[in-house]
Amino acid sequence: MRVLRGLFSDKKIIFYTDCEVIADISEWLKQNRSIEKITTLLEKNEELCKTLQVYLNSNLNSNEAAGLLNIHRNTLNYRLEKI
């Protein structure tokens, strides 16, 4: 829910179709305990969390996300690989 609130902070109502990928990831997280490392990483590193939010908001478009973050595309790829 925190991720959704961050992604859709300007909306009062969030439709499932707008966040289907996040819902799928959430379901996968419930089934896979080893993913706790990723959630811990995101909680401790605000830059990685922001990177993921912008990337998801950009419909997984690397060029657009890198532009919005004002970083090089390779930097974006490096951060996503860390996640």
PDB file of N, CA and C in Angstrom:
ATOM      1  N   MET A   1       0.824  -1.197   0.000  1.00  0.00           N
ATOM      2  CA  MET A   1       0.000   0.000   0.000  1.00  0.00           C
ATOM      3  C   MET A   1       0.866   1.258   0.000  1.00  0.00           C
ATOM      4  N   ARG A   2       2.017   1.206   0.698  1.00  0.00           N
ATOM      5  CA  ARG A   2       2.884   2.386   0.714  1.00  0.00           C
ATOM      6  C   ARG A   2       3.391   2.712  -0.688  1.00  0.00           C
ATOM      7  N   VAL A   3       3.725   1.694  -1.440  1.00  0.00           N
ATOM      8  CA  VAL A   3       4.199   1.911  -2.806  1.00  0.00           C
ATOM      9  C   VAL A   3       3.085   2.530  -3.642  1.00  0.00           C
ATOM     10  N   LEU A   4       1.880   2.003  -3.511  1.00  0.00           N
ATOM     11  CA  LEU A   4       0.742   2.540  -4.272  1.00  0.00           C
ATOM     12  C   LEU A   4       0.471   3.988  -3.897  1.00  0.00           C
ATOM     13  N   ARG A   5       0.540   4.300  -2.618  1.00  0.00           N
ATOM     14  CA  ARG A   5       0.316   5.683  -2.195  1.00  0.00           C
ATOM     15  C   ARG A   5       1.378   6.605  -2.783  1.00  0.00           C
ATOM     16  N   GLY A   6       2.614   6.113  -2.850  1.00  0.00           N
ATOM     17  CA  GLY A   6       3.683   6.911  -3.444  1.00  0.00           C
ATOM     18  C   GLY A   6       3.510   7.091  -4.936  1.00  0.00           C
ATOM     19  N   LEU A   7       3.092   6.046  -5.613  1.00  0.00           N
ATOM     20  CA  LEU A   7       2.915   6.104  -7.065  1.00  0.00           C
ATOM     21  C   LEU A   7       1.708   6.932  -7.471  1.00  0.00           C
ATOM     22  N   PHE A   8       0.649   6.828  -6.696  1.00  0.00           N
ATOM     23  CA  PHE A   8      -0.609   7.483  -7.055  1.00  0.00           C
ATOM     24  C   PHE A   8      -1.002   8.510  -5.994  1.00  0.00           C
ATOM     25  N   SER A   9      -0.039   9.292  -5.550  1.00  0.00           N
ATOM     26  CA  SER A   9      -0.293  10.254  -4.470  1.00  0.00           C
ATOM     27  C   SER A   9      -1.323  11.315  -4.851  1.00  0.00           C
ATOM     28  N   ASP A  10      -1.499  11.542  -6.146  1.00  0.00           N
ATOM     29  CA  ASP A  10      -2.442  12.558  -6.590  1.00  0.00           C
ATOM     30  C   ASP A  10      -3.865  12.022  -6.784  1.00  0.00           C
ATOM     31  N   LYS A  11      -4.045  10.724  -6.576  1.00  0.00           N
ATOM     32  CA  LYS A  11      -5.367  10.127  -6.797  1.00  0.00           C
ATOM     33  C   LYS A  11      -5.985   9.667  -5.484  1.00  0.00           C
ATOM     34  N   LYS A  12      -7.286   9.831  -5.368  1.00  0.00           N
ATOM     35  CA  LYS A  12      -8.003   9.338  -4.193  1.00  0.00           C
ATOM     36  C   LYS A  12      -8.476   7.908  -4.393  1.00  0.00           C
ATOM     37  N   ILE A  13      -8.722   7.537  -5.649  1.00  0.00           N
ATOM     38  CA  ILE A  13      -9.174   6.190  -5.981  1.00  0.00           C
ATOM     39  C   ILE A  13      -8.143   5.567  -6.915  1.00  0.00           C
ATOM     40  N   ILE A  14      -7.722   4.357  -6.565  1.00  0.00           N
ATOM     41  CA  ILE A  14      -6.753   3.631  -7.394  1.00  0.00           C
ATOM     42  C   ILE A  14      -7.449   2.384  -7.932  1.00  0.00           C
ATOM     43  N   PHE A  15      -7.476   2.248  -9.234  1.00  0.00           N
ATOM     44  CA  PHE A  15      -8.107   1.105  -9.857  1.00  0.00           C
ATOM     45  C   PHE A  15      -7.105  -0.036 -10.002  1.00  0.00           C
ATOM     46  N   TYR A  16      -7.589  -1.242  -9.904  1.00  0.00           N
ATOM     47  CA  TYR A  16      -6.720  -2.416 -10.007  1.00  0.00           C
ATOM     48  C   TYR A  16      -5.962  -2.442 -11.329  1.00  0.00           C
ATOM     49  N   THR A  17      -6.595  -2.041 -12.396  1.00  0.00           N
ATOM     50  CA  THR A  17      -5.932  -2.063 -13.701  1.00  0.00           C
ATOM     51  C   THR A  17      -4.732  -1.125 -13.740  1.00  0.00           C
ATOM     52  N   ASP A  18      -4.737  -0.093 -12.912  1.00  0.00           N
ATOM     53  CA  ASP A  18      -3.610   0.840 -12.848  1.00  0.00           C
ATOM     54  C   ASP A  18      -2.422   0.273 -12.081  1.00  0.00           C
ATOM     55  N   CYS A  19      -2.665  -0.725 -11.248  1.00  0.00           N
ATOM     56  CA  CYS A  19      -1.596  -1.234 -10.395  1.00  0.00           C
ATOM     57  C   CYS A  19      -1.505  -2.763 -10.415  1.00  0.00           C
ATOM     58  N   GLU A  20      -1.898  -3.352 -11.497  1.00  0.00           N
ATOM     59  CA  GLU A  20      -1.917  -4.809 -11.603  1.00  0.00           C
ATOM     60  C   GLU A  20      -0.534  -5.414 -11.393  1.00  0.00           C
ATOM     61  N   VAL A  21       0.496  -4.786 -11.955  1.00  0.00           N
ATOM     62  CA  VAL A  21       1.857  -5.308 -11.807  1.00  0.00           C
ATOM     63  C   VAL A  21       2.263  -5.297 -10.339  1.00  0.00           C
ATOM     64  N   ILE A  22       1.935  -4.228  -9.647  1.00  0.00           N
ATOM     65  CA  ILE A  22       2.285  -4.131  -8.231  1.00  0.00           C
ATOM     66  C   ILE A  22       1.522  -5.164  -7.414  1.00  0.00           C
ATOM     67  N   ALA A  23       0.279  -5.393  -7.755  1.00  0.00           N
ATOM     68  CA  ALA A  23      -0.513  -6.414  -7.065  1.00  0.00           C
ATOM     69  C   ALA A  23       0.093  -7.798  -7.283  1.00  0.00           C
ATOM     70  N   ASP A  24       0.548  -8.066  -8.500  1.00  0.00           N
ATOM     71  CA  ASP A  24       1.188  -9.350  -8.787  1.00  0.00           C
ATOM     72  C   ASP A  24       2.480  -9.506  -7.999  1.00  0.00           C
ATOM     73  N   ILE A  25       3.266  -8.434  -7.923  1.00  0.00           N
ATOM     74  CA  ILE A  25       4.508  -8.470  -7.146  1.00  0.00           C
ATOM     75  C   ILE A  25       4.192  -8.712  -5.675  1.00  0.00           C
ATOM     76  N   SER A  26       3.169  -8.054  -5.181  1.00  0.00           N
ATOM     77  CA  SER A  26       2.766  -8.221  -3.784  1.00  0.00           C
ATOM     78  C   SER A  26       2.372  -9.668  -3.496  1.00  0.00           C
ATOM     79  N   GLU A  27       1.627 -10.254  -4.398  1.00  0.00           N
ATOM     80  CA  GLU A  27       1.212 -11.654  -4.239  1.00  0.00           C
ATOM     81  C   GLU A  27       2.433 -12.570  -4.248  1.00  0.00           C
ATOM     82  N   TRP A  28       3.371 -12.286  -5.132  1.00  0.00           N
ATOM     83  CA  TRP A  28       4.592 -13.078  -5.224  1.00  0.00           C
ATOM     84  C   TRP A  28       5.409 -12.939  -3.942  1.00  0.00           C
ATOM     85  N   LEU A  29       5.444 -11.722  -3.371  1.00  0.00           N
ATOM     86  CA  LEU A  29       6.182 -11.490  -2.137  1.00  0.00           C
ATOM     87  C   LEU A  29       5.626 -12.332  -0.995  1.00  0.00           C
ATOM     88  N   LYS A  30       4.309 -12.481  -0.955  1.00  0.00           N
ATOM     89  CA  LYS A  30       3.688 -13.281   0.095  1.00  0.00           C
ATOM     90  C   LYS A  30       4.101 -14.743   0.002  1.00  0.00           C
ATOM     91  N   GLN A  31       4.344 -15.205  -1.217  1.00  0.00           N
ATOM     92  CA  GLN A  31       4.662 -16.614  -1.433  1.00  0.00           C
ATOM     93  C   GLN A  31       6.163 -16.901  -1.352  1.00  0.00           C
ATOM     94  N   ASN A  32       6.996 -15.874  -1.444  1.00  0.00           N
ATOM     95  CA  ASN A  32       8.438 -16.068  -1.510  1.00  0.00           C
ATOM     96  C   ASN A  32       9.118 -15.329  -0.362  1.00  0.00           C
ATOM     97  N   ARG A  33       9.533 -16.055   0.649  1.00  0.00           N
ATOM     98  CA  ARG A  33      10.140 -15.448   1.835  1.00  0.00           C
ATOM     99  C   ARG A  33      11.524 -14.873   1.571  1.00  0.00           C
ATOM    100  N   SER A  34      12.240 -15.378   0.581  1.00  0.00           N
ATOM    101  CA  SER A  34      13.589 -14.872   0.322  1.00  0.00           C
ATOM    102  C   SER A  34      13.566 -13.436  -0.178  1.00  0.00           C
ATOM    103  N   ILE A  35      12.410 -12.950  -0.542  1.00  0.00           N
ATOM    104  CA  ILE A  35      12.282 -11.596  -1.062  1.00  0.00           C
ATOM    105  C   ILE A  35      12.365 -10.557   0.058  1.00  0.00           C
ATOM    106  N   GLU A  36      12.387 -11.006   1.291  1.00  0.00           N
ATOM    107  CA  GLU A  36      12.496 -10.083   2.420  1.00  0.00           C
ATOM    108  C   GLU A  36      13.749  -9.225   2.319  1.00  0.00           C
ATOM    109  N   LYS A  37      14.796  -9.759   1.696  1.00  0.00           N
ATOM    110  CA  LYS A  37      16.027  -8.992   1.505  1.00  0.00           C
ATOM    111  C   LYS A  37      15.759  -7.762   0.642  1.00  0.00           C
ATOM    112  N   ILE A  38      14.945  -7.930  -0.376  1.00  0.00           N
ATOM    113  CA  ILE A  38      14.638  -6.815  -1.271  1.00  0.00           C
ATOM    114  C   ILE A  38      13.830  -5.755  -0.532  1.00  0.00           C
ATOM    115  N   THR A  39      12.849  -6.171   0.225  1.00  0.00           N
ATOM    116  CA  THR A  39      12.030  -5.194   0.940  1.00  0.00           C
ATOM    117  C   THR A  39      12.862  -4.449   1.974  1.00  0.00           C
ATOM    118  N   THR A  40      13.768  -5.150   2.636  1.00  0.00           N
ATOM    119  CA  THR A  40      14.655  -4.499   3.598  1.00  0.00           C
ATOM    120  C   THR A  40      15.546  -3.492   2.890  1.00  0.00           C
ATOM    121  N   LEU A  41      16.079  -3.874   1.737  1.00  0.00           N
ATOM    122  CA  LEU A  41      16.925  -2.981   0.951  1.00  0.00           C
ATOM    123  C   LEU A  41      16.167  -1.715   0.572  1.00  0.00           C
ATOM    124  N   LEU A  42      14.931  -1.869   0.109  1.00  0.00           N
ATOM    125  CA  LEU A  42      14.140  -0.712  -0.306  1.00  0.00           C
ATOM    126  C   LEU A  42      13.778   0.177   0.879  1.00  0.00           C
ATOM    127  N   GLU A  43      13.517  -0.426   2.022  1.00  0.00           N
ATOM    128  CA  GLU A  43      13.169   0.360   3.205  1.00  0.00           C
ATOM    129  C   GLU A  43      14.358   1.185   3.691  1.00  0.00           C
ATOM    130  N   LYS A  44      15.569   0.663   3.523  1.00  0.00           N
ATOM    131  CA  LYS A  44      16.769   1.349   4.006  1.00  0.00           C
ATOM    132  C   LYS A  44      17.336   2.327   2.998  1.00  0.00           C
ATOM    133  N   ASN A  45      16.963   2.199   1.728  1.00  0.00           N
ATOM    134  CA  ASN A  45      17.562   3.025   0.687  1.00  0.00           C
ATOM    135  C   ASN A  45      16.474   3.778  -0.069  1.00  0.00           C
ATOM    136  N   GLU A  46      16.285   5.019   0.315  1.00  0.00           N
ATOM    137  CA  GLU A  46      15.222   5.838  -0.282  1.00  0.00           C
ATOM    138  C   GLU A  46      15.458   6.067  -1.772  1.00  0.00           C
ATOM    139  N   GLU A  47      16.727   6.165  -2.177  1.00  0.00           N
ATOM    140  CA  GLU A  47      17.046   6.384  -3.588  1.00  0.00           C
ATOM    141  C   GLU A  47      16.581   5.217  -4.454  1.00  0.00           C
ATOM    142  N   LEU A  48      16.791   3.981  -3.992  1.00  0.00           N
ATOM    143  CA  LEU A  48      16.353   2.810  -4.747  1.00  0.00           C
ATOM    144  C   LEU A  48      14.832   2.726  -4.789  1.00  0.00           C
ATOM    145  N   CYS A  49      14.195   3.071  -3.688  1.00  0.00           N
ATOM    146  CA  CYS A  49      12.725   3.052  -3.638  1.00  0.00           C
ATOM    147  C   CYS A  49      12.152   4.070  -4.618  1.00  0.00           C
ATOM    148  N   LYS A  50      12.720   5.272  -4.633  1.00  0.00           N
ATOM    149  CA  LYS A  50      12.268   6.317  -5.566  1.00  0.00           C
ATOM    150  C   LYS A  50      12.513   5.873  -7.006  1.00  0.00           C
ATOM    151  N   THR A  51      13.663   5.246  -7.257  1.00  0.00           N
ATOM    152  CA  THR A  51      13.980   4.755  -8.594  1.00  0.00           C
ATOM    153  C   THR A  51      12.933   3.753  -9.055  1.00  0.00           C
ATOM    154  N   LEU A  52      12.580   2.824  -8.190  1.00  0.00           N
ATOM    155  CA  LEU A  52      11.582   1.820  -8.547  1.00  0.00           C
ATOM    156  C   LEU A  52      10.218   2.457  -8.792  1.00  0.00           C
ATOM    157  N   GLN A  53       9.845   3.417  -7.970  1.00  0.00           N
ATOM    158  CA  GLN A  53       8.560   4.094  -8.148  1.00  0.00           C
ATOM    159  C   GLN A  53       8.490   4.810  -9.494  1.00  0.00           C
ATOM    160  N   VAL A  54       9.542   5.542  -9.823  1.00  0.00           N
ATOM    161  CA  VAL A  54       9.558   6.278 -11.091  1.00  0.00           C
ATOM    162  C   VAL A  54       9.557   5.313 -12.270  1.00  0.00           C
ATOM    163  N   TYR A  55      10.318   4.235 -12.151  1.00  0.00           N
ATOM    164  CA  TYR A  55      10.377   3.224 -13.217  1.00  0.00           C
ATOM    165  C   TYR A  55       9.002   2.603 -13.456  1.00  0.00           C
ATOM    166  N   LEU A  56       8.303   2.273 -12.386  1.00  0.00           N
ATOM    167  CA  LEU A  56       6.959   1.707 -12.518  1.00  0.00           C
ATOM    168  C   LEU A  56       5.983   2.740 -13.068  1.00  0.00           C
ATOM    169  N   ASN A  57       6.094   3.985 -12.614  1.00  0.00           N
ATOM    170  CA  ASN A  57       5.233   5.058 -13.130  1.00  0.00           C
ATOM    171  C   ASN A  57       5.472   5.315 -14.606  1.00  0.00           C
ATOM    172  N   SER A  58       6.677   5.007 -15.069  1.00  0.00           N
ATOM    173  CA  SER A  58       7.032   5.216 -16.474  1.00  0.00           C
ATOM    174  C   SER A  58       6.682   4.005 -17.333  1.00  0.00           C
ATOM    175  N   ASN A  59       5.856   3.125 -16.797  1.00  0.00           N
ATOM    176  CA  ASN A  59       5.449   1.907 -17.513  1.00  0.00           C
ATOM    177  C   ASN A  59       6.651   1.082 -17.963  1.00  0.00           C
ATOM    178  N   LEU A  60       7.643   0.990 -17.081  1.00  0.00           N
ATOM    179  CA  LEU A  60       8.863   0.203 -17.304  1.00  0.00           C
ATOM    180  C   LEU A  60       9.683   0.723 -18.483  1.00  0.00           C
ATOM    181  N   ASN A  61       9.527   1.997 -18.808  1.00  0.00           N
ATOM    182  CA  ASN A  61      10.280   2.625 -19.885  1.00  0.00           C
ATOM    183  C   ASN A  61      11.563   3.217 -19.294  1.00  0.00           C
ATOM    184  N   SER A  62      12.697   2.581 -19.587  1.00  0.00           N
ATOM    185  CA  SER A  62      13.976   2.987 -19.004  1.00  0.00           C
ATOM    186  C   SER A  62      14.371   4.403 -19.391  1.00  0.00           C
ATOM    187  N   ASN A  63      14.214   4.744 -20.647  1.00  0.00           N
ATOM    188  CA  ASN A  63      14.601   6.086 -21.103  1.00  0.00           C
ATOM    189  C   ASN A  63      13.796   7.169 -20.398  1.00  0.00           C
ATOM    190  N   GLU A  64      12.509   6.952 -20.300  1.00  0.00           N
ATOM    191  CA  GLU A  64      11.651   7.942 -19.645  1.00  0.00           C
ATOM    192  C   GLU A  64      11.987   8.054 -18.158  1.00  0.00           C
ATOM    193  N   ALA A  65      12.153   6.919 -17.500  1.00  0.00           N
ATOM    194  CA  ALA A  65      12.459   6.921 -16.069  1.00  0.00           C
ATOM    195  C   ALA A  65      13.798   7.606 -15.795  1.00  0.00           C
ATOM    196  N   ALA A  66      14.802   7.303 -16.589  1.00  0.00           N
ATOM    197  CA  ALA A  66      16.114   7.935 -16.417  1.00  0.00           C
ATOM    198  C   ALA A  66      16.005   9.445 -16.607  1.00  0.00           C
ATOM    199  N   GLY A  67      15.227   9.874 -17.578  1.00  0.00           N
ATOM    200  CA  GLY A  67      15.025  11.303 -17.795  1.00  0.00           C
ATOM    201  C   GLY A  67      14.346  11.974 -16.619  1.00  0.00           C
ATOM    202  N   LEU A  68      13.314  11.338 -16.076  1.00  0.00           N
ATOM    203  CA  LEU A  68      12.599  11.903 -14.927  1.00  0.00           C
ATOM    204  C   LEU A  68      13.476  11.959 -13.682  1.00  0.00           C
ATOM    205  N   LEU A  69      14.386  10.999 -13.553  1.00  0.00           N
ATOM    206  CA  LEU A  69      15.282  10.965 -12.400  1.00  0.00           C
ATOM    207  C   LEU A  69      16.546  11.808 -12.621  1.00  0.00           C
ATOM    208  N   ASN A  70      16.711  12.308 -13.832  1.00  0.00           N
ATOM    209  CA  ASN A  70      17.906  13.069 -14.206  1.00  0.00           C
ATOM    210  C   ASN A  70      19.187  12.267 -13.998  1.00  0.00           C
ATOM    211  N   ILE A  71      19.149  11.016 -14.435  1.00  0.00           N
ATOM    212  CA  ILE A  71      20.318  10.145 -14.352  1.00  0.00           C
ATOM    213  C   ILE A  71      20.530   9.480 -15.710  1.00  0.00           C
ATOM    214  N   HIS A  72      21.707   8.939 -15.902  1.00  0.00           N
ATOM    215  CA  HIS A  72      22.011   8.208 -17.132  1.00  0.00           C
ATOM    216  C   HIS A  72      21.268   6.879 -17.112  1.00  0.00           C
ATOM    217  N   ARG A  73      20.924   6.400 -18.277  1.00  0.00           N
ATOM    218  CA  ARG A  73      20.180   5.131 -18.387  1.00  0.00           C
ATOM    219  C   ARG A  73      20.958   3.971 -17.766  1.00  0.00           C
ATOM    220  N   ASN A  74      22.279   3.975 -17.891  1.00  0.00           N
ATOM    221  CA  ASN A  74      23.090   2.918 -17.281  1.00  0.00           C
ATOM    222  C   ASN A  74      23.011   2.967 -15.755  1.00  0.00           C
ATOM    223  N   THR A  75      22.912   4.175 -15.210  1.00  0.00           N
ATOM    224  CA  THR A  75      22.751   4.319 -13.762  1.00  0.00           C
ATOM    225  C   THR A  75      21.423   3.721 -13.323  1.00  0.00           C
ATOM    226  N   LEU A  76      20.379   3.976 -14.109  1.00  0.00           N
ATOM    227  CA  LEU A  76      19.071   3.391 -13.807  1.00  0.00           C
ATOM    228  C   LEU A  76      19.159   1.860 -13.842  1.00  0.00           C
ATOM    229  N   ASN A  77      19.781   1.319 -14.868  1.00  0.00           N
ATOM    230  CA  ASN A  77      19.919  -0.131 -14.973  1.00  0.00           C
ATOM    231  C   ASN A  77      20.707  -0.706 -13.794  1.00  0.00           C
ATOM    232  N   TYR A  78      21.740  -0.001 -13.364  1.00  0.00           N
ATOM    233  CA  TYR A  78      22.533  -0.442 -12.214  1.00  0.00           C
ATOM    234  C   TYR A  78      21.659  -0.491 -10.954  1.00  0.00           C
ATOM    235  N   ARG A  79      20.886   0.551 -10.735  1.00  0.00           N
ATOM    236  CA  ARG A  79      20.016   0.588  -9.546  1.00  0.00           C
ATOM    237  C   ARG A  79      18.965  -0.522  -9.598  1.00  0.00           C
ATOM    238  N   LEU A  80      18.384  -0.745 -10.776  1.00  0.00           N
ATOM    239  CA  LEU A  80      17.377  -1.801 -10.902  1.00  0.00           C
ATOM    240  C   LEU A  80      18.001  -3.175 -10.682  1.00  0.00           C
ATOM    241  N   GLU A  81      19.227  -3.361 -11.121  1.00  0.00           N
ATOM    242  CA  GLU A  81      19.909  -4.639 -10.870  1.00  0.00           C
ATOM    243  C   GLU A  81      20.162  -4.854  -9.384  1.00  0.00           C
ATOM    244  N   LYS A  82      20.443  -3.764  -8.659  1.00  0.00           N
ATOM    245  CA  LYS A  82      20.630  -3.875  -7.204  1.00  0.00           C
ATOM    246  C   LYS A  82      19.349  -4.348  -6.532  1.00  0.00           C
ATOM    247  N   ILE A  83      18.233  -3.854  -7.042  1.00  0.00           N
ATOM    248  CA  ILE A  83      16.932  -4.237  -6.479  1.00  0.00           C
ATOM    249  C   ILE A  83      16.655  -5.685  -6.819  1.00  0.00           C
TER     250      ILE A  83
END
